[in-house]
Every structure is written in structure tokens, then in C-alpha cells.
Protein backbone atom coordinates (compact mmCIF):
# COMPACT_ATOMS: atom_id res chain seq x y z
CA MET A 1 98.98 121.35 99.81
CA LYS A 2 98.94 124.51 97.70
CA LYS A 3 100.18 127.58 99.52
CA VAL A 4 97.81 130.53 99.32
CA SER A 5 98.93 134.16 99.66
CA SER A 6 97.78 136.03 102.74
CA THR A 7 96.36 139.09 100.97
CA VAL A 8 93.04 139.19 99.16
CA GLN A 9 94.56 141.35 96.42
CA THR A 10 96.83 138.64 95.00
CA GLU A 11 95.80 136.36 92.16
CA ALA A 12 96.39 133.24 94.27
CA ALA A 13 94.12 134.53 96.98
CA ARG A 14 91.40 135.38 94.48
CA GLU A 15 91.30 131.76 93.39
CA LYS A 16 90.38 130.65 96.90
CA ILE A 17 89.07 133.65 98.84
CA PRO A 18 86.19 135.74 97.48
CA LEU A 19 86.60 139.50 97.33
CA PHE A 20 83.81 141.43 98.98
CA ARG A 21 82.18 142.23 95.65
CA GLU A 22 81.87 138.46 95.10
CA VAL A 23 80.08 137.98 98.42
CA LYS A 24 76.33 137.59 97.88
CA CYS A 25 75.36 135.97 101.16
CA VAL A 26 76.73 136.54 104.67
CA GLY A 27 76.17 134.15 107.56
CA ILE A 28 76.19 135.44 111.14
CA LEU A 29 76.87 133.40 114.28
CA ILE A 30 76.63 134.92 117.72
CA LYS A 31 77.23 134.14 121.36
CA PRO A 32 73.56 134.53 122.32
CA HIS A 33 74.06 135.58 125.94
CA ALA A 34 76.80 138.11 125.25
CA GLU A 35 76.08 141.45 126.85
CA LYS A 36 76.43 143.37 123.57
CA ALA A 37 74.74 140.82 121.31
CA GLU A 38 71.59 142.80 120.52
CA HIS A 39 73.56 146.02 120.06
CA ALA A 40 76.03 144.31 117.69
CA LEU A 41 73.26 142.87 115.51
CA GLY A 42 71.51 146.24 115.51
CA ARG A 43 74.59 147.78 113.93
CA LEU A 44 75.65 144.90 111.66
CA LEU A 45 72.36 143.95 109.98
CA PRO A 46 71.57 147.43 108.55
CA TRP A 47 75.15 147.72 107.26
CA LEU A 48 74.96 144.43 105.42
CA LYS A 49 71.47 144.99 104.03
CA SER A 50 72.44 148.45 102.78
CA ARG A 51 74.90 146.62 100.49
CA GLY A 52 72.11 144.42 99.11
CA LEU A 53 73.50 141.29 100.74
CA MET A 54 71.48 138.27 101.74
CA VAL A 55 71.92 137.56 105.44
CA LEU A 56 71.56 134.18 107.14
CA LEU A 57 71.33 133.93 110.93
CA ASP A 58 72.19 131.11 113.28
CA ALA A 59 69.90 130.01 116.11
CA GLY A 60 71.67 132.32 118.56
CA CYS A 61 70.97 135.37 116.40
CA SER A 62 67.35 134.32 116.02
CA ARG A 63 66.90 134.08 119.78
CA VAL A 64 68.44 137.51 120.30
CA LEU A 65 65.99 138.93 117.72
CA GLY A 66 63.01 137.05 119.18
CA GLN A 67 62.65 134.67 116.23
CA ASP A 68 61.96 130.94 116.33
CA HIS A 69 64.31 129.59 113.71
CA GLY A 70 67.91 129.80 112.61
CA CYS A 71 70.47 128.01 110.47
CA THR A 72 72.94 125.45 111.76
CA PRO A 73 76.66 126.27 111.45
CA GLU A 74 76.87 123.66 108.70
CA GLU A 75 74.12 125.39 106.70
CA LEU A 76 75.68 128.81 107.16
CA ALA A 77 79.06 127.63 105.94
CA ALA A 78 77.55 125.83 102.95
CA ARG A 79 75.39 128.78 101.80
CA SER A 80 77.54 131.83 102.62
CA GLN A 81 80.63 133.42 101.09
CA LEU A 82 81.55 135.14 104.36
CA LEU A 83 80.91 134.20 107.98
CA ILE A 84 80.83 136.84 110.69
CA VAL A 85 81.23 135.56 114.24
CA LEU A 86 80.04 137.85 117.05
CA GLY A 87 81.34 136.70 120.41
CA GLY A 88 84.68 135.35 121.54
CA ASP A 89 87.23 132.74 120.57
CA GLY A 90 84.99 129.95 121.84
CA THR A 91 82.20 130.99 119.49
CA LEU A 92 84.66 131.12 116.61
CA LEU A 93 86.07 127.68 117.44
CA GLY A 94 82.55 126.27 117.24
CA ALA A 95 82.26 127.50 113.66
CA ALA A 96 85.84 126.94 112.55
CA ARG A 97 85.66 123.36 111.30
CA HIS A 98 82.51 124.05 109.26
CA ALA A 99 84.01 127.19 107.70
CA ALA A 100 87.30 125.43 106.95
CA LEU A 101 85.64 122.45 105.25
CA GLN A 102 83.70 124.85 102.99
CA ASP A 103 86.67 127.25 102.57
CA VAL A 104 84.60 130.21 103.73
CA PRO A 105 86.50 133.17 105.25
CA VAL A 106 85.59 134.18 108.80
CA LEU A 107 85.54 137.63 110.37
CA GLY A 108 85.60 137.45 114.17
CA VAL A 109 84.19 140.38 116.14
CA ASN A 110 84.94 140.27 119.86
CA LEU A 111 82.10 141.17 122.20
CA GLY A 112 84.14 140.59 125.34
CA SER A 113 87.51 141.56 126.69
CA LEU A 114 89.88 138.87 125.42
CA GLY A 115 90.24 137.45 121.94
CA PHE A 116 93.20 136.06 120.04
CA MET A 117 91.22 135.08 116.93
CA THR A 118 88.20 137.38 117.30
CA GLU A 119 90.62 140.28 117.05
CA VAL A 120 88.22 142.90 115.65
CA THR A 121 86.56 144.92 118.38
CA LEU A 122 82.94 146.01 118.12
CA GLU A 123 84.14 149.59 117.63
CA GLU A 124 86.24 148.43 114.64
CA MET A 125 83.52 146.31 113.01
CA GLU A 126 82.21 148.70 110.38
CA GLU A 127 85.69 150.07 109.67
CA THR A 128 86.99 146.57 109.05
CA LEU A 129 84.05 145.63 106.84
CA GLU A 130 84.54 148.79 104.81
CA ALA A 131 88.26 148.01 104.43
CA PHE A 132 87.36 144.47 103.34
CA GLU A 133 84.88 145.96 100.89
CA ARG A 134 87.71 148.07 99.40
CA GLY A 135 90.03 145.05 99.21
CA GLU A 136 92.38 146.42 101.89
CA CYS A 137 92.10 143.65 104.49
CA SER A 138 94.30 140.60 104.57
CA VAL A 139 92.95 137.08 104.97
CA ARG A 140 95.24 134.76 106.95
CA ARG A 141 95.29 131.00 106.44
CA ARG A 142 95.37 129.11 109.74
CA MET A 143 96.57 125.52 109.85
CA MET A 144 94.21 122.94 111.35
CA LEU A 145 94.74 119.43 112.71
CA GLN A 146 92.99 116.23 111.69
CA VAL A 147 92.38 113.90 114.62
CA ASN A 148 91.36 110.30 113.95
CA VAL A 149 89.94 108.18 116.76
CA ASP A 150 88.89 104.69 115.75
CA ASP A 151 86.82 105.27 112.59
CA ALA A 152 85.87 108.91 113.34
CA THR A 153 87.62 111.98 111.93
CA HIS A 154 87.64 115.36 113.67
CA PHE A 155 89.11 118.75 112.72
CA VAL A 156 90.46 121.25 115.23
CA LEU A 157 91.80 124.78 114.94
CA ASN A 158 93.36 125.10 118.39
CA ASP A 159 94.15 121.78 119.98
CA ALA A 160 93.39 118.21 120.85
CA VAL A 161 93.96 117.44 124.55
CA LEU A 162 94.28 113.95 126.00
CA HIS A 163 93.77 114.35 129.73
CA LYS A 164 92.52 112.69 132.88
CA SER A 165 89.58 113.90 134.88
CA VAL A 166 90.85 112.64 138.25
CA LEU A 167 93.60 114.96 139.46
CA ALA A 168 95.21 112.49 141.88
CA ARG A 169 96.72 110.19 139.22
CA ILE A 170 99.01 110.56 136.24
CA ILE A 171 98.45 108.70 133.01
CA GLU A 172 100.87 106.97 130.63
CA ILE A 173 100.77 107.78 126.93
CA ASP A 174 102.97 106.25 124.24
CA VAL A 175 103.77 108.65 121.39
CA THR A 176 105.03 107.53 117.98
CA LEU A 177 106.34 110.08 115.45
CA ASP A 178 106.33 109.13 111.76
CA GLY A 179 106.33 105.44 112.62
CA HIS A 180 109.16 105.65 115.16
CA PHE A 181 108.61 105.39 118.90
CA MET A 182 109.29 108.78 120.53
CA SER A 183 108.63 108.33 124.23
CA ARG A 184 106.23 107.26 126.92
CA PHE A 185 104.86 110.35 128.67
CA LEU A 186 103.83 110.17 132.32
CA ALA A 187 101.79 113.29 132.90
CA ASP A 188 98.39 114.75 133.62
CA GLY A 189 97.92 114.72 129.84
CA LEU A 190 99.21 115.86 126.46
CA ILE A 191 98.25 118.84 124.31
CA LEU A 192 98.60 118.64 120.53
CA SER A 193 98.13 122.11 119.14
CA THR A 194 98.47 124.22 116.02
CA PRO A 195 100.38 127.52 116.04
CA THR A 196 96.99 129.21 116.49
CA GLY A 197 96.39 127.07 119.57
CA SER A 198 99.80 127.92 121.04
CA THR A 199 98.17 130.86 122.84
CA ALA A 200 95.44 128.64 124.37
CA TYR A 201 95.79 125.72 126.82
CA SER A 202 99.36 125.01 125.65
CA LEU A 203 100.49 128.48 126.76
CA ALA A 204 99.03 127.91 130.23
CA ALA A 205 100.90 124.57 130.38
CA GLY A 206 104.24 126.27 129.66
CA GLY A 207 104.36 125.97 125.88
CA PRO A 208 105.86 128.61 123.56
CA ILE A 209 103.94 131.18 121.52
CA LEU A 210 104.21 130.40 117.81
CA ALA A 211 103.52 132.72 114.91
CA PRO A 212 100.17 131.56 113.47
CA GLU A 213 101.49 131.42 109.90
CA LEU A 214 103.91 128.60 110.76
CA SER A 215 103.29 125.01 109.71
CA THR A 216 104.11 123.14 112.92
CA ILE A 217 102.53 120.84 115.47
CA LEU A 218 103.18 121.67 119.12
CA LEU A 219 103.30 118.83 121.66
CA THR A 220 103.01 120.09 125.24
CA PRO A 221 102.96 117.74 128.26
CA ILE A 222 100.65 118.76 131.13
CA CYS A 223 102.52 118.59 134.45
CA PRO A 224 104.94 115.84 133.31
CA HIS A 225 106.31 113.41 135.92
CA THR A 226 109.68 113.53 134.10
CA LEU A 227 110.83 117.12 134.20
CA THR A 228 112.97 116.70 131.07
CA HIS A 229 109.78 116.19 129.07
CA ARG A 230 109.42 119.69 127.67
CA PRO A 231 107.18 121.14 124.91
CA LEU A 232 108.22 120.03 121.44
CA VAL A 233 107.77 121.93 118.16
CA LEU A 234 107.40 119.37 115.37
CA PRO A 235 107.18 119.73 111.57
CA GLY A 236 103.70 120.36 110.23
CA GLU A 237 103.84 117.19 108.12
CA SER A 238 104.44 114.99 111.17
CA HIS A 239 102.30 111.89 111.74
CA LEU A 240 101.67 111.35 115.44
CA ASP A 241 100.14 108.26 117.03
CA LEU A 242 99.09 108.43 120.69
CA MET A 243 98.10 105.37 122.66
CA LEU A 244 96.83 105.45 126.23
CA LYS A 245 98.54 102.74 128.29
CA THR A 246 96.93 103.37 131.68
CA GLU A 247 94.16 100.95 132.59
CA SER A 248 91.06 101.91 134.59
CA ALA A 249 91.59 105.63 134.13
CA ASP A 250 88.91 108.22 133.46
CA VAL A 251 90.54 109.81 130.38
CA TYR A 252 89.08 112.11 127.76
CA LEU A 253 90.10 113.62 124.45
CA THR A 254 88.88 117.20 124.25
CA LEU A 255 88.71 118.80 120.80
CA ASP A 256 89.01 122.59 120.69
CA GLY A 257 87.36 122.73 124.09
CA GLN A 258 84.06 122.01 122.30
CA ARG A 259 83.71 118.25 122.21
CA GLY A 260 84.88 115.48 124.54
CA LEU A 261 85.44 111.80 123.81
CA SER A 262 86.02 109.07 126.41
CA ILE A 263 89.28 107.22 125.72
CA ALA A 264 90.08 103.71 126.98
CA ALA A 265 93.47 102.04 127.23
CA GLY A 266 94.62 100.73 123.86
CA HIS A 267 92.68 103.31 121.82
CA LEU A 268 94.79 104.74 118.99
CA ILE A 269 94.63 108.50 118.36
CA THR A 270 96.24 109.79 115.17
CA VAL A 271 97.06 113.47 114.73
CA THR A 272 98.18 115.00 111.43
CA ARG A 273 97.95 118.29 109.61
CA ALA A 274 94.49 118.70 108.09
CA GLY A 275 93.99 119.14 104.37
CA CYS A 276 91.79 122.19 105.06
CA THR A 277 92.69 125.56 106.55
CA LEU A 278 90.69 128.33 108.17
CA SER A 279 90.73 131.74 106.49
CA LEU A 280 90.55 134.58 109.03
CA VAL A 281 89.89 138.17 107.97
CA GLN A 282 92.37 140.36 109.76
CA ALA A 283 91.54 143.83 111.02
CA ALA A 284 92.85 146.68 108.92
CA ARG A 285 96.19 148.10 110.14
CA LYS A 286 96.56 145.41 112.80
CA ASN A 287 98.82 142.36 112.94
CA HIS A 288 99.12 139.34 115.21
CA PHE A 289 101.59 141.00 117.55
CA ASP A 290 99.25 143.94 118.05
CA VAL A 291 96.71 141.40 119.26
CA LEU A 292 99.23 139.65 121.53
CA ARG A 293 100.36 142.94 123.01
CA ARG A 294 96.79 143.87 123.86
CA THR A 295 95.55 140.51 125.12
CA LEU A 296 98.70 139.55 127.06
CA LYS A 297 99.27 143.13 128.22
CA TRP A 298 102.91 143.17 127.14
CA GLY A 299 104.84 146.15 128.42
CA GLU A 300 102.32 147.01 131.15
CA ARG A 301 103.33 147.34 134.80
């Protein structure tokens, strides 16, 4: 897959990521029940319209504004050159696969208190848009995973989690790496995550924090029965096959915390690096470790 530079000012980035002057239509998605939703739209819409941009709203935005219609995330991604997500990381995850498949950059504006991907605060929104307008922002490519279950294909930005719903029993999962048997895991479940997802469920399960620019797949057991089963950092080009061996278990595959699939014994789940990536607009004068320091409260007592 062709590597794309992280800054919008490079020639490689211009081939894939539109500069602000090339943006004609902006799509907006919002967490409709967020406390600051109406205030955020009241600031954002006039700013965009003052630049002569067409604005498309999702159903959440329409409800906040008292309207009866709105675009689906698929429509927004297909018709826009920039997506602005107002909410939190969950709202962004809901839009991620649509934006990635259309190669549309996403600017995440956090309306709450914690956000690893929606790193721009509401106070920084106009400043970041103006920096993007001047070509001063960077756009970071985030690796995604492709998850195949039977004949269905899914794309995730954070993680795919195979887990049980009954806490009293462990499940057995066979894992094959690049055609070679790796191990049978006896655990509450397994997390397959991207570097972006390393700060999500995997972190809570004891996994490491990975720099989001890395091309790796992180395998993290959830409460493993064998204590020597520790989190594994695998090459990004790995091909992983997971097969549930436990019979009569209530087991689910959860994709980015957004969708859940019931998994029966013998079902084959294949996880590989996706051919698409998500482009995230980064706040001006802020990097990933600034975000980690704030959200994880590093250095505080």
C-alpha cells in the first residue's frame, strides 16, 4: 500500500488529501444529546458558510436544529471533502469506516472531557479550522483492520473483540498467524486492535500504548487463564485466523464498540490490515503525546 506523507503541504499528501481551498462541501456529524451540541453548531455553521462552503448535516444535527431530515454517514462521506465530527471518540468511530472507504479526512471536535481521536477541543475549533485553511495542520493516516466473518467484511479503526457475555466461564480460541498455529487461548476473550485502538479496551486489559503511526496489530488476551499469555505486538501485514472452540457459549464479536455479531463454535474470523486508512486532521501545535498527557493525566499527583 502506498505510504502517504503526514503533512498536507507535501506533494504526496496533495494527491490523496484535499487542501482546504479544494474543499467545496463539508459534512457534519454530531452526538445529538451532547450538552454543547447546539452551541457547537451555532459557532461552526456561520464559520463554514462565511467561506462559501456547502454544508451537509447528519440526522443528529438536524434534530438539534429542529429539522426533520439529515444525511446518513454514508451519504456525508460520499458527498463531502471534509467531515467534522462533534462529540467524542464513539461518535468518530461510527463515522470512521465510511470516511476511510471514501478517503475523506476527518476533524474530530470533542464536546466532552475525554478524547484520544477527537483531540480538538471546542475552544480550539475555529483556530484549528483557520490553521487548516492556511495549510498549517497535519493530517495523520491511521491504520484500520479488515475483519471477515463468514462472507461479511467489516472495517474497524480501534478494535475487534471476541468475548463472552457470561462472566463465569472462560472460552477457548485457536489463533493461527500467517498459516501457522500460534496458540489456543483460554481467556474471557481476545482483543485485536490497531495502534489507534491501543488506548481503548486493550489498554484497560493490560496492553501497551502504541504510537498511532505504527503499522502493527496488537493481540491482547482478556483475563487469560494462562498467565504467560501476554499482549503481542505483531507486524501490520500479519494474517490472523481466530476460531472459537468452546461449544454452547454465548460469545460475541464486537466491532469498534459499535456493532456486535453472535459467534458460534467453528466460525472462522479473519483479521488483516485493511486496504483503506482513516485521515485525521490534527490540531495545530499539538501532537499525540500532548493528547495522551492530557487524557491520561500524566505527571499529575
